[in-house]
């Protein structure tokens, strides 16, 4: 289970297996910046859906 909380993003609880590296990819997509070079996993789409 992963909790994502912030000022701009609405709080979400994700009920699937995630890893901390997924947060980096998710935030890079949210802020529209380059993803980390070693990003191989999927972003947390549940967080990006507004």
N, C-alpha and C. Protein backbone atom coordinates (compact mmCIF):
# COMPACT_ATOMS: atom_id res chain seq x y z
N UNK A 1 0.85 -1.17 0.00
CA UNK A 1 0.00 0.00 0.00
C UNK A 1 0.90 1.22 0.00
N UNK A 2 0.52 2.25 -0.74
CA UNK A 2 1.31 3.46 -0.86
C UNK A 2 0.39 4.65 -0.65
N UNK A 3 0.86 5.62 0.11
CA UNK A 3 0.08 6.83 0.36
C UNK A 3 0.76 7.99 -0.34
N UNK A 4 0.00 8.77 -1.09
CA UNK A 4 0.53 9.95 -1.76
C UNK A 4 -0.28 11.15 -1.29
N UNK A 5 0.39 12.11 -0.67
CA UNK A 5 -0.30 13.27 -0.13
C UNK A 5 0.49 14.52 -0.50
N UNK A 6 -0.20 15.57 -0.86
CA UNK A 6 0.49 16.82 -1.18
C UNK A 6 -0.48 17.96 -1.30
N UNK A 7 0.04 19.16 -1.55
CA UNK A 7 -0.81 20.34 -1.70
C UNK A 7 -1.59 20.34 -3.00
N UNK A 8 -0.94 19.94 -4.09
CA UNK A 8 -1.56 20.00 -5.40
C UNK A 8 -2.24 18.69 -5.74
N UNK A 9 -1.61 17.60 -5.42
CA UNK A 9 -2.19 16.28 -5.71
C UNK A 9 -3.16 15.89 -4.61
N UNK A 10 -4.28 15.33 -5.01
CA UNK A 10 -5.25 14.88 -4.02
C UNK A 10 -4.74 13.60 -3.36
N UNK A 11 -5.00 13.42 -2.07
CA UNK A 11 -4.54 12.20 -1.39
C UNK A 11 -5.14 10.96 -2.05
N UNK A 12 -4.32 9.95 -2.20
CA UNK A 12 -4.74 8.68 -2.81
C UNK A 12 -4.16 7.53 -2.01
N UNK A 13 -4.88 6.44 -1.97
CA UNK A 13 -4.36 5.19 -1.43
C UNK A 13 -4.34 4.20 -2.57
N UNK A 14 -3.20 3.59 -2.80
CA UNK A 14 -3.03 2.67 -3.93
C UNK A 14 -2.92 1.26 -3.38
N UNK A 15 -3.79 0.39 -3.85
CA UNK A 15 -3.86 -0.98 -3.33
C UNK A 15 -3.23 -1.98 -4.30
N UNK A 16 -2.04 -1.66 -4.78
CA UNK A 16 -1.30 -2.61 -5.60
C UNK A 16 0.16 -2.48 -5.21
N UNK A 17 0.96 -3.42 -5.63
CA UNK A 17 2.36 -3.38 -5.27
C UNK A 17 3.06 -2.24 -6.00
N UNK A 18 3.70 -1.37 -5.25
CA UNK A 18 4.46 -0.27 -5.81
C UNK A 18 5.81 -0.21 -5.11
N UNK A 19 6.73 0.52 -5.72
CA UNK A 19 8.06 0.68 -5.16
C UNK A 19 8.36 2.18 -5.08
N UNK A 20 9.31 2.55 -4.27
CA UNK A 20 9.62 3.97 -4.12
C UNK A 20 10.11 4.58 -5.43
N UNK A 21 10.71 3.81 -6.31
CA UNK A 21 11.16 4.36 -7.59
C UNK A 21 9.98 4.78 -8.47
N UNK A 22 8.80 4.21 -8.23
CA UNK A 22 7.61 4.61 -8.97
C UNK A 22 7.25 6.07 -8.68
N UNK A 23 7.54 6.53 -7.47
CA UNK A 23 7.25 7.92 -7.10
C UNK A 23 8.08 8.88 -7.93
N UNK A 24 9.32 8.58 -8.17
CA UNK A 24 10.18 9.46 -8.96
C UNK A 24 9.66 9.60 -10.39
N UNK A 25 9.27 8.50 -10.98
CA UNK A 25 8.73 8.54 -12.34
C UNK A 25 7.40 9.29 -12.38
N UNK A 26 6.57 9.07 -11.40
CA UNK A 26 5.28 9.75 -11.33
C UNK A 26 5.46 11.26 -11.20
N UNK A 27 6.35 11.68 -10.33
CA UNK A 27 6.58 13.11 -10.14
C UNK A 27 7.21 13.75 -11.38
N UNK A 28 8.07 13.03 -12.05
CA UNK A 28 8.67 13.60 -13.27
C UNK A 28 7.61 13.79 -14.35
N UNK A 29 6.67 12.88 -14.45
CA UNK A 29 5.57 13.05 -15.41
C UNK A 29 4.66 14.20 -14.99
N UNK A 30 4.40 14.30 -13.71
CA UNK A 30 3.51 15.36 -13.22
C UNK A 30 4.10 16.74 -13.50
N UNK A 31 5.40 16.90 -13.23
CA UNK A 31 6.05 18.19 -13.42
C UNK A 31 6.59 18.39 -14.83
N UNK A 32 6.37 17.39 -15.68
CA UNK A 32 6.79 17.44 -17.09
C UNK A 32 8.29 17.71 -17.23
N UNK A 33 9.05 16.92 -16.49
CA UNK A 33 10.50 16.97 -16.59
C UNK A 33 11.00 15.60 -17.01
N UNK A 34 12.27 15.51 -17.37
CA UNK A 34 12.83 14.24 -17.80
C UNK A 34 12.76 13.21 -16.67
N UNK A 35 12.41 12.01 -17.04
CA UNK A 35 12.36 10.91 -16.07
C UNK A 35 13.77 10.51 -15.69
N UNK A 36 13.95 9.94 -14.51
CA UNK A 36 15.27 9.45 -14.13
C UNK A 36 15.77 8.43 -15.16
N UNK A 37 17.05 8.43 -15.42
CA UNK A 37 17.61 7.57 -16.47
C UNK A 37 17.42 6.09 -16.18
N UNK A 38 17.28 5.73 -14.92
CA UNK A 38 17.14 4.31 -14.58
C UNK A 38 15.68 3.91 -14.37
N UNK A 39 14.73 4.77 -14.74
CA UNK A 39 13.31 4.47 -14.53
C UNK A 39 12.86 3.36 -15.47
N UNK A 40 12.49 2.24 -14.91
CA UNK A 40 12.05 1.10 -15.71
C UNK A 40 10.66 0.64 -15.33
N UNK A 41 10.10 1.18 -14.28
CA UNK A 41 8.78 0.75 -13.82
C UNK A 41 7.71 1.70 -14.33
N UNK A 42 6.49 1.44 -13.95
CA UNK A 42 5.35 2.24 -14.40
C UNK A 42 5.05 3.37 -13.42
N UNK A 43 4.57 4.50 -13.92
CA UNK A 43 4.17 5.58 -13.00
C UNK A 43 2.89 5.21 -12.27
N UNK A 44 2.60 5.93 -11.23
CA UNK A 44 1.36 5.71 -10.46
C UNK A 44 0.24 6.49 -11.15
N UNK A 45 -0.39 5.83 -12.10
CA UNK A 45 -1.45 6.46 -12.91
C UNK A 45 -2.59 6.95 -12.03
N UNK A 46 -2.86 6.23 -10.95
CA UNK A 46 -3.95 6.62 -10.04
C UNK A 46 -3.73 8.02 -9.49
N UNK A 47 -2.48 8.40 -9.30
CA UNK A 47 -2.16 9.71 -8.76
C UNK A 47 -2.28 10.79 -9.83
N UNK A 48 -1.89 10.45 -11.05
CA UNK A 48 -1.90 11.43 -12.14
C UNK A 48 -3.29 11.70 -12.68
N UNK A 49 -4.23 10.78 -12.51
CA UNK A 49 -5.60 11.02 -12.97
C UNK A 49 -6.24 12.06 -12.09
N UNK A 50 -6.68 13.13 -12.71
CA UNK A 50 -7.25 14.24 -11.93
C UNK A 50 -8.74 14.28 -12.06
